[in-house]
Amino acid sequence: SYHKKVKMIYIDPPYNKDKDFVYSDT
């Protein structure tokens, strides 16, 4: 639905600091 429709992506992902990490893909 959104193939080649987004002009700008901004993300601020986890910085992988010493604290907990949330994402756990399987």
PDB file of all heavy atoms in Angstrom:
ATOM      1  N   SER A   1       0.808  -1.226   0.000  1.00  0.00           N
ATOM      2  CA  SER A   1       0.000   0.000   0.000  1.00  0.00           C
ATOM      3  C   SER A   1       0.839   1.274   0.000  1.00  0.00           C
ATOM      4  O   SER A   1       0.401   2.300  -0.520  1.00  0.00           O
ATOM      5  CB  SER A   1      -0.940   0.007   1.212  1.00  0.00           C
ATOM      6  OG  SER A   1      -1.859  -1.052   1.131  1.00  0.00           O
ATOM      7  N   TYR A   2       2.023   1.205   0.586  1.00  0.00           N
ATOM      8  CA  TYR A   2       2.834   2.422   0.705  1.00  0.00           C
ATOM      9  C   TYR A   2       4.153   2.324  -0.070  1.00  0.00           C
ATOM     10  O   TYR A   2       5.073   3.077   0.191  1.00  0.00           O
ATOM     11  CB  TYR A   2       3.108   2.727   2.180  1.00  0.00           C
ATOM     12  CG  TYR A   2       1.886   3.239   2.898  1.00  0.00           C
ATOM     13  CD1 TYR A   2       1.010   2.374   3.537  1.00  0.00           C
ATOM     14  CD2 TYR A   2       1.584   4.599   2.912  1.00  0.00           C
ATOM     15  CE1 TYR A   2      -0.124   2.837   4.182  1.00  0.00           C
ATOM     16  CE2 TYR A   2       0.455   5.072   3.552  1.00  0.00           C
ATOM     17  CZ  TYR A   2      -0.400   4.193   4.189  1.00  0.00           C
ATOM     18  OH  TYR A   2      -1.519   4.660   4.814  1.00  0.00           O
ATOM     19  N   HIS A   3       4.199   1.414  -1.048  1.00  0.00           N
ATOM     20  CA  HIS A   3       5.407   1.275  -1.858  1.00  0.00           C
ATOM     21  C   HIS A   3       5.704   2.587  -2.591  1.00  0.00           C
ATOM     22  O   HIS A   3       4.883   3.110  -3.328  1.00  0.00           O
ATOM     23  CB  HIS A   3       5.206   0.147  -2.872  1.00  0.00           C
ATOM     24  CG  HIS A   3       6.393  -0.099  -3.763  1.00  0.00           C
ATOM     25  ND1 HIS A   3       7.618  -0.498  -3.280  1.00  0.00           N
ATOM     26  CD2 HIS A   3       6.544   0.013  -5.101  1.00  0.00           C
ATOM     27  CE1 HIS A   3       8.467  -0.635  -4.271  1.00  0.00           C
ATOM     28  NE2 HIS A   3       7.840  -0.324  -5.390  1.00  0.00           N
ATOM     29  N   LYS A   4       6.875   3.155  -2.327  1.00  0.00           N
ATOM     30  CA  LYS A   4       7.331   4.411  -2.942  1.00  0.00           C
ATOM     31  C   LYS A   4       6.357   5.572  -2.712  1.00  0.00           C
ATOM     32  O   LYS A   4       6.174   6.421  -3.580  1.00  0.00           O
ATOM     33  CB  LYS A   4       7.558   4.216  -4.438  1.00  0.00           C
ATOM     34  CG  LYS A   4       8.752   3.334  -4.777  1.00  0.00           C
ATOM     35  CD  LYS A   4       9.068   3.369  -6.262  1.00  0.00           C
ATOM     36  CE  LYS A   4      10.331   2.587  -6.563  1.00  0.00           C
ATOM     37  NZ  LYS A   4      10.718   2.678  -7.984  1.00  0.00           N
ATOM     38  N   LYS A   5       5.758   5.634  -1.522  1.00  0.00           N
ATOM     39  CA  LYS A   5       4.828   6.734  -1.219  1.00  0.00           C
ATOM     40  C   LYS A   5       5.312   7.633  -0.086  1.00  0.00           C
ATOM     41  O   LYS A   5       4.706   8.668   0.185  1.00  0.00           O
ATOM     42  CB  LYS A   5       3.446   6.175  -0.881  1.00  0.00           C
ATOM     43  CG  LYS A   5       2.730   5.593  -2.091  1.00  0.00           C
ATOM     44  CD  LYS A   5       1.325   5.148  -1.759  1.00  0.00           C
ATOM     45  CE  LYS A   5       0.634   4.610  -3.009  1.00  0.00           C
ATOM     46  NZ  LYS A   5      -0.733   4.089  -2.734  1.00  0.00           N
ATOM     47  N   VAL A   6       6.379   7.243   0.583  1.00  0.00           N
ATOM     48  CA  VAL A   6       6.861   7.999   1.751  1.00  0.00           C
ATOM     49  C   VAL A   6       8.057   8.860   1.335  1.00  0.00           C
ATOM     50  O   VAL A   6       9.031   8.351   0.782  1.00  0.00           O
ATOM     51  CB  VAL A   6       7.269   7.030   2.883  1.00  0.00           C
ATOM     52  CG1 VAL A   6       7.906   7.795   4.035  1.00  0.00           C
ATOM     53  CG2 VAL A   6       6.060   6.233   3.359  1.00  0.00           C
ATOM     54  N   LYS A   7       7.988  10.153   1.599  1.00  0.00           N
ATOM     55  CA  LYS A   7       9.075  11.064   1.215  1.00  0.00           C
ATOM     56  C   LYS A   7      10.184  11.095   2.263  1.00  0.00           C
ATOM     57  O   LYS A   7      11.371  11.187   1.935  1.00  0.00           O
ATOM     58  CB  LYS A   7       8.505  12.483   1.025  1.00  0.00           C
ATOM     59  CG  LYS A   7       9.508  13.559   0.604  1.00  0.00           C
ATOM     60  CD  LYS A   7      10.023  13.331  -0.799  1.00  0.00           C
ATOM     61  CE  LYS A   7      10.833  14.528  -1.293  1.00  0.00           C
ATOM     62  NZ  LYS A   7      10.004  15.570  -1.906  1.00  0.00           N
ATOM     63  N   MET A   8       9.787  11.004   3.524  1.00  0.00           N
ATOM     64  CA  MET A   8      10.772  11.145   4.606  1.00  0.00           C
ATOM     65  C   MET A   8      10.517  10.094   5.682  1.00  0.00           C
ATOM     66  O   MET A   8       9.375   9.865   6.092  1.00  0.00           O
ATOM     67  CB  MET A   8      10.676  12.544   5.228  1.00  0.00           C
ATOM     68  CG  MET A   8      11.473  12.717   6.506  1.00  0.00           C
ATOM     69  SD  MET A   8      11.294  14.388   7.173  1.00  0.00           S
ATOM     70  CE  MET A   8      11.663  14.103   8.909  1.00  0.00           C
ATOM     71  N   ILE A   9      11.592   9.424   6.082  1.00  0.00           N
ATOM     72  CA  ILE A   9      11.541   8.541   7.245  1.00  0.00           C
ATOM     73  C   ILE A   9      12.454   9.135   8.307  1.00  0.00           C
ATOM     74  O   ILE A   9      13.602   9.493   8.009  1.00  0.00           O
ATOM     75  CB  ILE A   9      12.013   7.116   6.902  1.00  0.00           C
ATOM     76  CG1 ILE A   9      11.073   6.451   5.894  1.00  0.00           C
ATOM     77  CG2 ILE A   9      12.090   6.257   8.163  1.00  0.00           C
ATOM     78  CD1 ILE A   9      11.556   5.096   5.405  1.00  0.00           C
ATOM     79  N   TYR A  10      11.933   9.276   9.502  1.00  0.00           N
ATOM     80  CA  TYR A  10      12.786   9.622  10.641  1.00  0.00           C
ATOM     81  C   TYR A  10      12.564   8.572  11.719  1.00  0.00           C
ATOM     82  O   TYR A  10      11.413   8.269  12.065  1.00  0.00           O
ATOM     83  CB  TYR A  10      12.467  10.999  11.229  1.00  0.00           C
ATOM     84  CG  TYR A  10      13.208  11.208  12.532  1.00  0.00           C
ATOM     85  CD1 TYR A  10      14.571  11.500  12.532  1.00  0.00           C
ATOM     86  CD2 TYR A  10      12.578  11.040  13.764  1.00  0.00           C
ATOM     87  CE1 TYR A  10      15.281  11.630  13.717  1.00  0.00           C
ATOM     88  CE2 TYR A  10      13.280  11.176  14.955  1.00  0.00           C
ATOM     89  CZ  TYR A  10      14.627  11.470  14.921  1.00  0.00           C
ATOM     90  OH  TYR A  10      15.333  11.594  16.099  1.00  0.00           O
ATOM     91  N   ILE A  11      13.656   8.001  12.215  1.00  0.00           N
ATOM     92  CA  ILE A  11      13.530   7.058  13.331  1.00  0.00           C
ATOM     93  C   ILE A  11      14.593   7.357  14.388  1.00  0.00           C
ATOM     94  O   ILE A  11      15.683   7.831  14.080  1.00  0.00           O
ATOM     95  CB  ILE A  11      13.637   5.582  12.883  1.00  0.00           C
ATOM     96  CG1 ILE A  11      14.949   5.311  12.138  1.00  0.00           C
ATOM     97  CG2 ILE A  11      12.439   5.181  12.058  1.00  0.00           C
ATOM     98  CD1 ILE A  11      15.196   3.834  11.852  1.00  0.00           C
ATOM     99  N   ASP A  12      14.225   7.063  15.604  1.00  0.00           N
ATOM    100  CA  ASP A  12      15.114   7.197  16.755  1.00  0.00           C
ATOM    101  C   ASP A  12      15.100   5.836  17.456  1.00  0.00           C
ATOM    102  O   ASP A  12      14.444   5.656  18.475  1.00  0.00           O
ATOM    103  CB  ASP A  12      14.582   8.305  17.664  1.00  0.00           C
ATOM    104  CG  ASP A  12      15.503   8.607  18.830  1.00  0.00           C
ATOM    105  OD1 ASP A  12      16.703   8.276  18.741  1.00  0.00           O
ATOM    106  OD2 ASP A  12      15.022   9.165  19.840  1.00  0.00           O
ATOM    107  N   PRO A  13      15.815   4.841  16.879  1.00  0.00           N
ATOM    108  CA  PRO A  13      15.735   3.472  17.400  1.00  0.00           C
ATOM    109  C   PRO A  13      16.459   3.322  18.723  1.00  0.00           C
ATOM    110  O   PRO A  13      17.170   4.252  19.162  1.00  0.00           O
ATOM    111  CB  PRO A  13      16.429   2.652  16.301  1.00  0.00           C
ATOM    112  CG  PRO A  13      17.425   3.596  15.720  1.00  0.00           C
ATOM    113  CD  PRO A  13      16.772   4.957  15.768  1.00  0.00           C
ATOM    114  N   PRO A  14      16.337   2.178  19.394  1.00  0.00           N
ATOM    115  CA  PRO A  14      17.096   1.947  20.625  1.00  0.00           C
ATOM    116  C   PRO A  14      18.590   2.109  20.356  1.00  0.00           C
ATOM    117  O   PRO A  14      19.102   1.657  19.332  1.00  0.00           O
ATOM    118  CB  PRO A  14      16.754   0.495  20.984  1.00  0.00           C
ATOM    119  CG  PRO A  14      15.464   0.212  20.302  1.00  0.00           C
ATOM    120  CD  PRO A  14      15.473   1.026  19.057  1.00  0.00           C
ATOM    121  N   TYR A  15      19.280   2.779  21.287  1.00  0.00           N
ATOM    122  CA  TYR A  15      20.717   3.040  21.110  1.00  0.00           C
ATOM    123  C   TYR A  15      21.580   1.883  21.612  1.00  0.00           C
ATOM    124  O   TYR A  15      22.790   1.951  21.577  1.00  0.00           O
ATOM    125  CB  TYR A  15      21.111   4.325  21.840  1.00  0.00           C
ATOM    126  CG  TYR A  15      20.594   5.595  21.189  1.00  0.00           C
ATOM    127  CD1 TYR A  15      19.830   5.549  20.025  1.00  0.00           C
ATOM    128  CD2 TYR A  15      20.860   6.837  21.749  1.00  0.00           C
ATOM    129  CE1 TYR A  15      19.350   6.707  19.440  1.00  0.00           C
ATOM    130  CE2 TYR A  15      20.393   8.005  21.164  1.00  0.00           C
ATOM    131  CZ  TYR A  15      19.637   7.926  20.011  1.00  0.00           C
ATOM    132  OH  TYR A  15      19.168   9.081  19.428  1.00  0.00           O
ATOM    133  N   ASN A  16      20.929   0.836  22.108  1.00  0.00           N
ATOM    134  CA  ASN A  16      21.640  -0.341  22.615  1.00  0.00           C
ATOM    135  C   ASN A  16      22.540   0.018  23.800  1.00  0.00           C
ATOM    136  O   ASN A  16      23.712  -0.355  23.866  1.00  0.00           O
ATOM    137  CB  ASN A  16      22.474  -0.998  21.502  1.00  0.00           C
ATOM    138  CG  ASN A  16      22.677  -2.482  21.753  1.00  0.00           C
ATOM    139  OD1 ASN A  16      22.060  -3.068  22.638  1.00  0.00           O
ATOM    140  ND2 ASN A  16      23.545  -3.096  20.975  1.00  0.00           N
ATOM    141  N   LYS A  17      21.950   0.728  24.737  1.00  0.00           N
ATOM    142  CA  LYS A  17      22.682   1.098  25.954  1.00  0.00           C
ATOM    143  C   LYS A  17      22.689  -0.085  26.924  1.00  0.00           C
ATOM    144  O   LYS A  17      22.214  -1.170  26.611  1.00  0.00           O
ATOM    145  CB  LYS A  17      22.035   2.314  26.620  1.00  0.00           C
ATOM    146  CG  LYS A  17      21.778   3.470  25.694  1.00  0.00           C
ATOM    147  CD  LYS A  17      23.042   4.009  25.043  1.00  0.00           C
ATOM    148  CE  LYS A  17      23.889   4.776  26.019  1.00  0.00           C
ATOM    149  NZ  LYS A  17      25.089   5.368  25.357  1.00  0.00           N
ATOM    150  N   ASP A  18      23.207   0.137  28.100  1.00  0.00           N
ATOM    151  CA  ASP A  18      23.296  -0.936  29.088  1.00  0.00           C
ATOM    152  C   ASP A  18      21.931  -1.346  29.634  1.00  0.00           C
ATOM    153  O   ASP A  18      21.780  -2.412  30.216  1.00  0.00           O
ATOM    154  CB  ASP A  18      24.192  -0.502  30.257  1.00  0.00           C
ATOM    155  CG  ASP A  18      25.633  -0.357  29.810  1.00  0.00           C
ATOM    156  OD1 ASP A  18      26.002  -1.007  28.820  1.00  0.00           O
ATOM    157  OD2 ASP A  18      26.372   0.409  30.441  1.00  0.00           O
ATOM    158  N   LYS A  19      20.928  -0.469  29.413  1.00  0.00           N
ATOM    159  CA  LYS A  19      19.610  -0.810  29.956  1.00  0.00           C
ATOM    160  C   LYS A  19      18.929  -1.856  29.077  1.00  0.00           C
ATOM    161  O   LYS A  19      19.459  -2.305  28.083  1.00  0.00           O
ATOM    162  CB  LYS A  19      18.751   0.449  30.068  1.00  0.00           C
ATOM    163  CG  LYS A  19      18.439   1.122  28.742  1.00  0.00           C
ATOM    164  CD  LYS A  19      17.654   2.397  28.998  1.00  0.00           C
ATOM    165  CE  LYS A  19      17.313   3.089  27.679  1.00  0.00           C
ATOM    166  NZ  LYS A  19      16.546   4.314  27.888  1.00  0.00           N
ATOM    167  N   ASP A  20      17.708  -2.230  29.476  1.00  0.00           N
ATOM    168  CA  ASP A  20      17.003  -3.315  28.802  1.00  0.00           C
ATOM    169  C   ASP A  20      16.774  -3.027  27.323  1.00  0.00           C
ATOM    170  O   ASP A  20      16.599  -1.888  26.910  1.00  0.00           O
ATOM    171  CB  ASP A  20      15.645  -3.547  29.478  1.00  0.00           C
ATOM    172  CG  ASP A  20      15.801  -4.119  30.867  1.00  0.00           C
ATOM    173  OD1 ASP A  20      16.925  -4.517  31.195  1.00  0.00           O
ATOM    174  OD2 ASP A  20      14.797  -4.167  31.599  1.00  0.00           O
ATOM    175  N   PHE A  21      16.747  -4.102  26.549  1.00  0.00           N
ATOM    176  CA  PHE A  21      16.511  -4.032  25.114  1.00  0.00           C
ATOM    177  C   PHE A  21      15.182  -4.715  24.833  1.00  0.00           C
ATOM    178  O   PHE A  21      14.943  -5.834  25.266  1.00  0.00           O
ATOM    179  CB  PHE A  21      17.651  -4.769  24.399  1.00  0.00           C
ATOM    180  CG  PHE A  21      17.601  -4.647  22.908  1.00  0.00           C
ATOM    181  CD1 PHE A  21      17.769  -3.424  22.296  1.00  0.00           C
ATOM    182  CD2 PHE A  21      17.415  -5.770  22.125  1.00  0.00           C
ATOM    183  CE1 PHE A  21      17.757  -3.321  20.918  1.00  0.00           C
ATOM    184  CE2 PHE A  21      17.391  -5.678  20.742  1.00  0.00           C
ATOM    185  CZ  PHE A  21      17.567  -4.448  20.143  1.00  0.00           C
ATOM    186  N   VAL A  22      14.307  -4.053  24.103  1.00  0.00           N
ATOM    187  CA  VAL A  22      12.914  -4.471  24.048  1.00  0.00           C
ATOM    188  C   VAL A  22      12.617  -5.483  22.952  1.00  0.00           C
ATOM    189  O   VAL A  22      11.838  -6.396  23.141  1.00  0.00           O
ATOM    190  CB  VAL A  22      12.006  -3.227  23.848  1.00  0.00           C
ATOM    191  CG1 VAL A  22      10.557  -3.624  23.755  1.00  0.00           C
ATOM    192  CG2 VAL A  22      12.233  -2.255  24.984  1.00  0.00           C
ATOM    193  N   TYR A  23      13.243  -5.335  21.784  1.00  0.00           N
ATOM    194  CA  TYR A  23      12.833  -6.130  20.621  1.00  0.00           C
ATOM    195  C   TYR A  23      13.421  -7.531  20.676  1.00  0.00           C
ATOM    196  O   TYR A  23      14.590  -7.715  20.940  1.00  0.00           O
ATOM    197  CB  TYR A  23      13.259  -5.424  19.331  1.00  0.00           C
ATOM    198  CG  TYR A  23      12.500  -4.149  19.127  1.00  0.00           C
ATOM    199  CD1 TYR A  23      12.883  -2.975  19.768  1.00  0.00           C
ATOM    200  CD2 TYR A  23      11.363  -4.117  18.339  1.00  0.00           C
ATOM    201  CE1 TYR A  23      12.172  -1.793  19.609  1.00  0.00           C
ATOM    202  CE2 TYR A  23      10.642  -2.950  18.162  1.00  0.00           C
ATOM    203  CZ  TYR A  23      11.050  -1.795  18.801  1.00  0.00           C
ATOM    204  OH  TYR A  23      10.339  -0.647  18.639  1.00  0.00           O
ATOM    205  N   SER A  24      12.572  -8.530  20.401  1.00  0.00           N
ATOM    206  CA  SER A  24      12.993  -9.930  20.448  1.00  0.00           C
ATOM    207  C   SER A  24      12.309 -10.676  19.307  1.00  0.00           C
ATOM    208  O   SER A  24      11.248 -11.255  19.481  1.00  0.00           O
ATOM    209  CB  SER A  24      12.621 -10.557  21.787  1.00  0.00           C
ATOM    210  OG  SER A  24      13.017 -11.909  21.841  1.00  0.00           O
ATOM    211  N   ASP A  25      12.922 -10.614  18.104  1.00  0.00           N
ATOM    212  CA  ASP A  25      12.309 -11.216  16.923  1.00  0.00           C
ATOM    213  C   ASP A  25      12.587 -12.708  16.889  1.00  0.00           C
ATOM    214  O   ASP A  25      13.664 -13.168  17.255  1.00  0.00           O
ATOM    215  CB  ASP A  25      12.880 -10.587  15.643  1.00  0.00           C
ATOM    216  CG  ASP A  25      12.629  -9.089  15.602  1.00  0.00           C
ATOM    217  OD1 ASP A  25      11.631  -8.656  16.189  1.00  0.00           O
ATOM    218  OD2 ASP A  25      13.437  -8.374  14.986  1.00  0.00           O
ATOM    219  N   THR A  26      11.614 -13.473  16.413  1.00  0.00           N
ATOM    220  CA  THR A  26      11.782 -14.907  16.215  1.00  0.00           C
ATOM    221  C   THR A  26      11.364 -15.230  14.798  1.00  0.00           C
ATOM    222  O   THR A  26      10.198 -15.072  14.441  1.00  0.00           O
ATOM    223  CB  THR A  26      10.921 -15.711  17.202  1.00  0.00           C
ATOM    224  OG1 THR A  26      11.333 -15.382  18.527  1.00  0.00           O
ATOM    225  CG2 THR A  26      11.094 -17.202  16.968  1.00  0.00           C
TER     226      THR A  26
END
